[in-house]
Amino acid sequence: MNNSWLRAHLWAPLLTFSVVFAVLELWVLDPVIARAWYFDGTSARWAGAGAGAWWAHDLLHTGGRWLVRGIAAAAISTWALSFAVSRLQPWRRIAGFIALAIVVSTTLVGALKGVTNVDCPWDLAGFGGTQPYVPLFGDRPDFLPRAKCFPGAHSSSGFALICFYFALRDRHARLARWALAVAVCIGMAFSIGQEARGAHFVSHDLVSAALVWFIQLALYVWLMRPRMVAAA
């Protein structure tokens, strides 16, 4: 791995995520963005609730969940069948990587929700709930109930499709870039759906995207890149 590769895949993303997250936290922009884009204070209703539930909940949440599950299942099936079907053998490593990357990244992001103790927007006072807003690094009062809304688990399933970029980049660079663009768009769509429902703030999904990127980058460096370099 040369310096340009590290800059593009490690240092530049790390700097970008860190700066954007710092801006969101230091200026407490999460509630501001939620009120400007998704929450109507007059009607006390989220854009993705009520009449908007069909696209935010049914299409992007429920439908999106099954889309990613279907992709993961297809990758697992391809990997398993490659041991019996000779035509699938060339796809074994890629299919296995895709399946592992989706499962590991979404599982780790989901597990973090159980330990970070951060409220969903819809539970907060001023957004239809009763709990006080506590910044991520703020001192959360002990009397408040445990919360499980950070980082965004559903958006991580959309961003998890970034694995196609890593799976393809050493074989089909142009196709890999298209796969990256599509995965980011899907992850952002899932994020918007959840934020419109009041399930997450922008920072929740930003951290989700960052975690998925670096988890899958680590898996790629560990499992895929050494073999691709050796083959080259």
C-alpha atoms as a PDB file:
ATOM      1  CA  MET A   1       0.000   0.000   0.000  1.00  0.00           C
ATOM      2  CA  ASN A   2       1.625   3.234  -1.137  1.00  0.00           C
ATOM      3  CA  ASN A   3       1.100   6.695   0.312  1.00  0.00           C
ATOM      4  CA  SER A   4      -1.437   7.781  -2.294  1.00  0.00           C
ATOM      5  CA  TRP A   5      -3.561   4.698  -1.592  1.00  0.00           C
ATOM      6  CA  LEU A   6      -3.468   5.378   2.134  1.00  0.00           C
ATOM      7  CA  ARG A   7      -4.360   9.035   1.629  1.00  0.00           C
ATOM      8  CA  ALA A   8      -7.359   8.153  -0.527  1.00  0.00           C
ATOM      9  CA  HIS A   9      -8.709   5.304   1.578  1.00  0.00           C
ATOM     10  CA  LEU A  10      -7.628   6.063   5.151  1.00  0.00           C
ATOM     11  CA  TRP A  11      -6.437   9.576   5.893  1.00  0.00           C
ATOM     12  CA  ALA A  12      -8.767  11.594   3.642  1.00  0.00           C
ATOM     13  CA  PRO A  13     -11.926   9.775   4.802  1.00  0.00           C
ATOM     14  CA  LEU A  14     -10.790   9.971   8.434  1.00  0.00           C
ATOM     15  CA  LEU A  15     -10.183  13.719   8.176  1.00  0.00           C
ATOM     16  CA  THR A  16     -13.473  14.330   6.353  1.00  0.00           C
ATOM     17  CA  PHE A  17     -15.580  12.344   8.806  1.00  0.00           C
ATOM     18  CA  SER A  18     -13.818  13.923  11.796  1.00  0.00           C
ATOM     19  CA  VAL A  19     -14.279  17.505  10.600  1.00  0.00           C
ATOM     20  CA  VAL A  20     -17.949  17.094   9.684  1.00  0.00           C
ATOM     21  CA  PHE A  21     -18.700  15.308  12.955  1.00  0.00           C
ATOM     22  CA  ALA A  22     -16.870  17.984  14.954  1.00  0.00           C
ATOM     23  CA  VAL A  23     -18.891  20.726  13.256  1.00  0.00           C
ATOM     24  CA  LEU A  24     -22.159  18.929  14.009  1.00  0.00           C
ATOM     25  CA  GLU A  25     -21.234  18.434  17.664  1.00  0.00           C
ATOM     26  CA  LEU A  26     -19.571  21.770  18.463  1.00  0.00           C
ATOM     27  CA  TRP A  27     -22.383  23.816  16.963  1.00  0.00           C
ATOM     28  CA  VAL A  28     -25.110  21.396  18.153  1.00  0.00           C
ATOM     29  CA  LEU A  29     -26.512  21.184  14.635  1.00  0.00           C
ATOM     30  CA  ASP A  30     -28.392  17.886  14.929  1.00  0.00           C
ATOM     31  CA  PRO A  31     -31.575  19.420  16.418  1.00  0.00           C
ATOM     32  CA  VAL A  32     -31.302  22.418  14.087  1.00  0.00           C
ATOM     33  CA  ILE A  33     -31.163  20.235  10.986  1.00  0.00           C
ATOM     34  CA  ALA A  34     -33.991  18.033  12.263  1.00  0.00           C
ATOM     35  CA  ARG A  35     -36.269  21.041  12.780  1.00  0.00           C
ATOM     36  CA  ALA A  36     -35.327  22.595   9.442  1.00  0.00           C
ATOM     37  CA  TRP A  37     -35.754  19.474   7.335  1.00  0.00           C
ATOM     38  CA  TYR A  38     -37.886  16.871   9.051  1.00  0.00           C
ATOM     39  CA  PHE A  39     -39.879  18.031  12.079  1.00  0.00           C
ATOM     40  CA  ASP A  40     -42.852  20.389  11.869  1.00  0.00           C
ATOM     41  CA  GLY A  41     -43.065  22.156  15.218  1.00  0.00           C
ATOM     42  CA  THR A  42     -46.550  23.477  14.487  1.00  0.00           C
ATOM     43  CA  SER A  43     -48.134  20.070  13.975  1.00  0.00           C
ATOM     44  CA  ALA A  44     -45.522  18.251  16.113  1.00  0.00           C
ATOM     45  CA  ARG A  45     -45.148  15.695  13.339  1.00  0.00           C
ATOM     46  CA  TRP A  46     -42.190  14.119  11.581  1.00  0.00           C
ATOM     47  CA  ALA A  47     -42.088  14.221   7.778  1.00  0.00           C
ATOM     48  CA  GLY A  48     -41.682  10.452   7.667  1.00  0.00           C
ATOM     49  CA  ALA A  49     -44.689   9.749   9.881  1.00  0.00           C
ATOM     50  CA  GLY A  50     -48.370   9.769   9.029  1.00  0.00           C
ATOM     51  CA  ALA A  51     -48.748  10.491   5.314  1.00  0.00           C
ATOM     52  CA  GLY A  52     -45.002  10.130   4.851  1.00  0.00           C
ATOM     53  CA  ALA A  53     -44.797   6.679   6.419  1.00  0.00           C
ATOM     54  CA  TRP A  54     -45.151   4.930   3.050  1.00  0.00           C
ATOM     55  CA  TRP A  55     -41.761   6.119   1.828  1.00  0.00           C
ATOM     56  CA  ALA A  56     -39.846   6.527   5.098  1.00  0.00           C
ATOM     57  CA  HIS A  57     -41.029   3.373   6.867  1.00  0.00           C
ATOM     58  CA  ASP A  58     -42.506   1.024   4.284  1.00  0.00           C
ATOM     59  CA  LEU A  59     -40.174   1.716   1.349  1.00  0.00           C
ATOM     60  CA  LEU A  60     -36.834   2.820   2.825  1.00  0.00           C
ATOM     61  CA  HIS A  61     -36.942   1.078   6.203  1.00  0.00           C
ATOM     62  CA  THR A  62     -38.801  -2.191   5.669  1.00  0.00           C
ATOM     63  CA  GLY A  63     -38.116  -2.510   1.950  1.00  0.00           C
ATOM     64  CA  GLY A  64     -34.510  -1.404   2.337  1.00  0.00           C
ATOM     65  CA  ARG A  65     -33.913  -3.937   5.090  1.00  0.00           C
ATOM     66  CA  TRP A  66     -35.089  -6.778   2.869  1.00  0.00           C
ATOM     67  CA  LEU A  67     -33.052  -5.488  -0.065  1.00  0.00           C
ATOM     68  CA  VAL A  68     -29.796  -5.700   1.885  1.00  0.00           C
ATOM     69  CA  ARG A  69     -30.748  -9.014   3.458  1.00  0.00           C
ATOM     70  CA  GLY A  70     -31.427 -10.376  -0.014  1.00  0.00           C
ATOM     71  CA  ILE A  71     -28.042  -9.218  -1.276  1.00  0.00           C
ATOM     72  CA  ALA A  72     -26.277 -10.761   1.718  1.00  0.00           C
ATOM     73  CA  ALA A  73     -28.210 -14.021   1.259  1.00  0.00           C
ATOM     74  CA  ALA A  74     -27.288 -14.108  -2.432  1.00  0.00           C
ATOM     75  CA  ALA A  75     -23.609 -13.598  -1.582  1.00  0.00           C
ATOM     76  CA  ILE A  76     -23.680 -16.346   1.042  1.00  0.00           C
ATOM     77  CA  SER A  77     -25.442 -18.706  -1.381  1.00  0.00           C
ATOM     78  CA  THR A  78     -22.935 -17.954  -4.137  1.00  0.00           C
ATOM     79  CA  TRP A  79     -20.031 -18.592  -1.790  1.00  0.00           C
ATOM     80  CA  ALA A  80     -21.505 -21.894  -0.576  1.00  0.00           C
ATOM     81  CA  LEU A  81     -22.456 -23.105  -4.061  1.00  0.00           C
ATOM     82  CA  SER A  82     -18.988 -22.293  -5.393  1.00  0.00           C
ATOM     83  CA  PHE A  83     -17.699 -25.406  -3.628  1.00  0.00           C
ATOM     84  CA  ALA A  84     -20.047 -27.544  -5.716  1.00  0.00           C
ATOM     85  CA  VAL A  85     -20.491 -25.584  -8.950  1.00  0.00           C
ATOM     86  CA  SER A  86     -17.257 -25.066 -10.866  1.00  0.00           C
ATOM     87  CA  ARG A  87     -18.551 -22.017 -12.753  1.00  0.00           C
ATOM     88  CA  LEU A  88     -18.932 -20.157  -9.464  1.00  0.00           C
ATOM     89  CA  GLN A  89     -15.438 -20.875  -8.168  1.00  0.00           C
ATOM     90  CA  PRO A  90     -13.909 -17.652  -9.594  1.00  0.00           C
ATOM     91  CA  TRP A  91     -16.516 -15.704  -7.597  1.00  0.00           C
ATOM     92  CA  ARG A  92     -15.937 -17.510  -4.311  1.00  0.00           C
ATOM     93  CA  ARG A  93     -13.586 -14.989  -2.728  1.00  0.00           C
ATOM     94  CA  ILE A  94     -15.602 -11.958  -3.814  1.00  0.00           C
ATOM     95  CA  ALA A  95     -18.900 -13.480  -2.661  1.00  0.00           C
ATOM     96  CA  GLY A  96     -17.392 -14.477   0.661  1.00  0.00           C
ATOM     97  CA  PHE A  97     -15.958 -11.011   1.175  1.00  0.00           C
ATOM     98  CA  ILE A  98     -19.275  -9.312   0.352  1.00  0.00           C
ATOM     99  CA  ALA A  99     -21.184 -11.558   2.749  1.00  0.00           C
ATOM    100  CA  LEU A 100     -18.648 -11.127   5.542  1.00  0.00           C
ATOM    101  CA  ALA A 101     -18.352  -7.353   5.064  1.00  0.00           C
ATOM    102  CA  ILE A 102     -22.114  -6.813   5.221  1.00  0.00           C
ATOM    103  CA  VAL A 103     -22.612  -9.059   8.242  1.00  0.00           C
ATOM    104  CA  VAL A 104     -19.627  -7.800  10.250  1.00  0.00           C
ATOM    105  CA  SER A 105     -20.136  -4.078   9.634  1.00  0.00           C
ATOM    106  CA  THR A 106     -23.883  -4.072  10.324  1.00  0.00           C
ATOM    107  CA  THR A 107     -23.500  -6.309  13.373  1.00  0.00           C
ATOM    108  CA  LEU A 108     -20.822  -4.132  14.948  1.00  0.00           C
ATOM    109  CA  VAL A 109     -22.763  -0.920  14.322  1.00  0.00           C
ATOM    110  CA  GLY A 110     -25.896  -2.513  15.762  1.00  0.00           C
ATOM    111  CA  ALA A 111     -24.005  -3.728  18.816  1.00  0.00           C
ATOM    112  CA  LEU A 112     -22.715  -0.226  19.523  1.00  0.00           C
ATOM    113  CA  LYS A 113     -26.283   1.031  19.889  1.00  0.00           C
ATOM    114  CA  GLY A 114     -26.577  -0.999  23.057  1.00  0.00           C
ATOM    115  CA  VAL A 115     -23.648   0.677  24.799  1.00  0.00           C
ATOM    116  CA  THR A 116     -23.638   4.325  23.672  1.00  0.00           C
ATOM    117  CA  ASN A 117     -26.825   5.267  25.592  1.00  0.00           C
ATOM    118  CA  VAL A 118     -28.070   7.991  23.212  1.00  0.00           C
ATOM    119  CA  ASP A 119     -31.753   8.877  22.698  1.00  0.00           C
ATOM    120  CA  CYS A 120     -33.686   8.808  19.454  1.00  0.00           C
ATOM    121  CA  PRO A 121     -34.936  12.235  18.342  1.00  0.00           C
ATOM    122  CA  TRP A 122     -38.569  11.148  18.666  1.00  0.00           C
ATOM    123  CA  ASP A 123     -37.982  10.546  22.400  1.00  0.00           C
ATOM    124  CA  LEU A 124     -36.762  14.098  23.042  1.00  0.00           C
ATOM    125  CA  ALA A 125     -38.700  17.051  24.394  1.00  0.00           C
ATOM    126  CA  GLY A 126     -39.474  19.413  21.539  1.00  0.00           C
ATOM    127  CA  PHE A 127     -39.615  16.534  19.078  1.00  0.00           C
ATOM    128  CA  GLY A 128     -42.673  14.705  20.379  1.00  0.00           C
ATOM    129  CA  GLY A 129     -41.019  13.027  23.372  1.00  0.00           C
ATOM    130  CA  THR A 130     -40.197  13.848  26.968  1.00  0.00           C
ATOM    131  CA  GLN A 131     -36.463  13.239  27.446  1.00  0.00           C
ATOM    132  CA  PRO A 132     -33.968  16.134  27.610  1.00  0.00           C
ATOM    133  CA  TYR A 133     -31.461  16.512  24.810  1.00  0.00           C
ATOM    134  CA  VAL A 134     -28.012  15.361  25.932  1.00  0.00           C
ATOM    135  CA  PRO A 135     -25.063  15.811  23.532  1.00  0.00           C
ATOM    136  CA  LEU A 136     -23.119  12.707  22.640  1.00  0.00           C
ATOM    137  CA  PHE A 137     -20.258  13.596  24.968  1.00  0.00           C
ATOM    138  CA  GLY A 138     -22.500  15.250  27.560  1.00  0.00           C
ATOM    139  CA  ASP A 139     -23.111  14.023  31.107  1.00  0.00           C
ATOM    140  CA  ARG A 140     -26.304  11.995  30.839  1.00  0.00           C
ATOM    141  CA  PRO A 141     -28.256  11.959  34.138  1.00  0.00           C
ATOM    142  CA  ASP A 142     -28.410   8.532  35.776  1.00  0.00           C
ATOM    143  CA  PHE A 143     -32.181   8.683  36.268  1.00  0.00           C
ATOM    144  CA  LEU A 144     -32.856   8.679  32.515  1.00  0.00           C
ATOM    145  CA  PRO A 145     -33.732   5.289  30.974  1.00  0.00           C
ATOM    146  CA  ARG A 146     -31.225   3.497  28.790  1.00  0.00           C
ATOM    147  CA  ALA A 147     -31.360   4.562  25.148  1.00  0.00           C
ATOM    148  CA  LYS A 148     -30.252   2.720  22.010  1.00  0.00           C
ATOM    149  CA  CYS A 149     -30.175   5.082  19.050  1.00  0.00           C
ATOM    150  CA  PHE A 150     -26.531   5.791  18.233  1.00  0.00           C
ATOM    151  CA  PRO A 151     -25.123   5.112  15.693  1.00  0.00           C
ATOM    152  CA  GLY A 152     -27.714   4.515  12.981  1.00  0.00           C
ATOM    153  CA  ALA A 153     -28.091   0.784  12.443  1.00  0.00           C
ATOM    154  CA  HIS A 154     -30.466   0.897   9.490  1.00  0.00           C
ATOM    155  CA  SER A 155     -28.331   3.329   7.514  1.00  0.00           C
ATOM    156  CA  SER A 156     -25.349   1.056   8.153  1.00  0.00           C
ATOM    157  CA  SER A 157     -27.068  -1.656   6.112  1.00  0.00           C
ATOM    158  CA  GLY A 158     -27.235   0.720   3.148  1.00  0.00           C
ATOM    159  CA  PHE A 159     -23.666   1.916   3.579  1.00  0.00           C
ATOM    160  CA  ALA A 160     -22.601  -1.724   3.970  1.00  0.00           C
ATOM    161  CA  LEU A 161     -23.031  -2.093   0.205  1.00  0.00           C
ATOM    162  CA  ILE A 162     -19.769  -0.148  -0.058  1.00  0.00           C
ATOM    163  CA  CYS A 163     -18.282  -3.661   0.124  1.00  0.00           C
ATOM    164  CA  PHE A 164     -18.895  -3.935  -3.634  1.00  0.00           C
ATOM    165  CA  TYR A 165     -16.371  -1.152  -4.147  1.00  0.00           C
ATOM    166  CA  PHE A 166     -13.706  -3.029  -2.214  1.00  0.00           C
ATOM    167  CA  ALA A 167     -14.626  -6.323  -3.858  1.00  0.00           C
ATOM    168  CA  LEU A 168     -14.304  -4.901  -7.373  1.00  0.00           C
ATOM    169  CA  ARG A 169     -11.632  -2.190  -7.174  1.00  0.00           C
ATOM    170  CA  ASP A 170      -8.669  -4.448  -8.011  1.00  0.00           C
ATOM    171  CA  ARG A 171     -10.430  -6.088 -10.962  1.00  0.00           C
ATOM    172  CA  HIS A 172     -12.783  -3.486 -12.396  1.00  0.00           C
ATOM    173  CA  ALA A 173     -11.811  -0.027 -11.135  1.00  0.00           C
ATOM    174  CA  ARG A 174     -14.459   1.902 -13.060  1.00  0.00           C
ATOM    175  CA  LEU A 175     -17.244  -0.469 -12.049  1.00  0.00           C
ATOM    176  CA  ALA A 176     -16.005  -0.253  -8.462  1.00  0.00           C
ATOM    177  CA  ARG A 177     -16.374   3.533  -8.483  1.00  0.00           C
ATOM    178  CA  TRP A 178     -19.931   3.210  -9.738  1.00  0.00           C
ATOM    179  CA  ALA A 179     -20.642   0.659  -7.020  1.00  0.00           C
ATOM    180  CA  LEU A 180     -19.291   3.074  -4.415  1.00  0.00           C
ATOM    181  CA  ALA A 181     -21.510   5.888  -5.697  1.00  0.00           C
ATOM    182  CA  VAL A 182     -24.603   3.671  -5.663  1.00  0.00           C
ATOM    183  CA  ALA A 183     -23.852   2.369  -2.153  1.00  0.00           C
ATOM    184  CA  VAL A 184     -23.372   5.879  -0.771  1.00  0.00           C
ATOM    185  CA  CYS A 185     -26.656   6.988  -2.370  1.00  0.00           C
ATOM    186  CA  ILE A 186     -28.500   4.017  -0.869  1.00  0.00           C
ATOM    187  CA  GLY A 187     -26.976   4.678   2.544  1.00  0.00           C
ATOM    188  CA  MET A 188     -27.957   8.339   2.349  1.00  0.00           C
ATOM    189  CA  ALA A 189     -31.492   7.413   1.299  1.00  0.00           C
ATOM    190  CA  PHE A 190     -31.788   5.051   4.277  1.00  0.00           C
ATOM    191  CA  SER A 191     -30.423   7.826   6.507  1.00  0.00           C
ATOM    192  CA  ILE A 192     -32.941  10.362   5.232  1.00  0.00           C
ATOM    193  CA  GLY A 193     -35.775   7.908   5.778  1.00  0.00           C
ATOM    194  CA  GLN A 194     -34.779   7.295   9.388  1.00  0.00           C
ATOM    195  CA  GLU A 195     -34.116  10.955  10.117  1.00  0.00           C
ATOM    196  CA  ALA A 196     -37.504  11.862   8.617  1.00  0.00           C
ATOM    197  CA  ARG A 197     -39.159   9.356  10.961  1.00  0.00           C
ATOM    198  CA  GLY A 198     -37.366  10.816  13.990  1.00  0.00           C
ATOM    199  CA  ALA A 199     -35.333   7.670  14.578  1.00  0.00           C
ATOM    200  CA  HIS A 200     -31.923   9.326  14.156  1.00  0.00           C
ATOM    201  CA  PHE A 201     -30.067  12.609  13.847  1.00  0.00           C
ATOM    202  CA  VAL A 202     -27.620  13.364  11.032  1.00  0.00           C
ATOM    203  CA  SER A 203     -24.590  12.657  13.236  1.00  0.00           C
ATOM    204  CA  HIS A 204     -25.914   9.172  14.031  1.00  0.00           C
ATOM    205  CA  ASP A 205     -25.857   8.221  10.361  1.00  0.00           C
ATOM    206  CA  LEU A 206     -22.577  10.001   9.675  1.00  0.00           C
ATOM    207  CA  VAL A 207     -20.875   7.891  12.336  1.00  0.00           C
ATOM    208  CA  SER A 208     -22.576   4.813  10.912  1.00  0.00           C
ATOM    209  CA  ALA A 209     -21.109   5.550   7.476  1.00  0.00           C
ATOM    210  CA  ALA A 210     -17.646   6.120   8.950  1.00  0.00           C
ATOM    211  CA  LEU A 211     -17.714   2.892  10.926  1.00  0.00           C
ATOM    212  CA  VAL A 212     -18.819   0.860   7.920  1.00  0.00           C
ATOM    213  CA  TRP A 213     -16.097   2.383   5.739  1.00  0.00           C
ATOM    214  CA  PHE A 214     -13.255   1.679   8.163  1.00  0.00           C
ATOM    215  CA  ILE A 215     -14.511  -1.782   9.147  1.00  0.00           C
ATOM    216  CA  GLN A 216     -14.742  -2.815   5.522  1.00  0.00           C
ATOM    217  CA  LEU A 217     -11.430  -1.169   4.712  1.00  0.00           C
ATOM    218  CA  ALA A 218      -9.812  -3.279   7.425  1.00  0.00           C
ATOM    219  CA  LEU A 219     -11.481  -6.433   6.084  1.00  0.00           C
ATOM    220  CA  TYR A 220     -10.314  -5.605   2.561  1.00  0.00           C
ATOM    221  CA  VAL A 221      -6.712  -5.054   3.656  1.00  0.00           C
ATOM    222  CA  TRP A 222      -6.797  -8.267   5.667  1.00  0.00           C
ATOM    223  CA  LEU A 223      -8.603 -10.579   3.257  1.00  0.00           C
ATOM    224  CA  MET A 224      -8.510  -9.208  -0.264  1.00  0.00           C
ATOM    225  CA  ARG A 225      -5.678  -6.832  -1.011  1.00  0.00           C
ATOM    226  CA  PRO A 226      -2.705  -9.086  -0.151  1.00  0.00           C
ATOM    227  CA  ARG A 227      -3.961 -11.762  -2.540  1.00  0.00           C
ATOM    228  CA  MET A 228      -4.753  -9.256  -5.286  1.00  0.00           C
ATOM    229  CA  VAL A 229      -1.293  -7.725  -5.023  1.00  0.00           C
ATOM    230  CA  ALA A 230       0.313 -11.185  -5.074  1.00  0.00           C
ATOM    231  CA  ALA A 231      -1.687 -12.149  -8.148  1.00  0.00           C
ATOM    232  CA  ALA A 232      -0.674  -8.925  -9.916  1.00  0.00           C
END
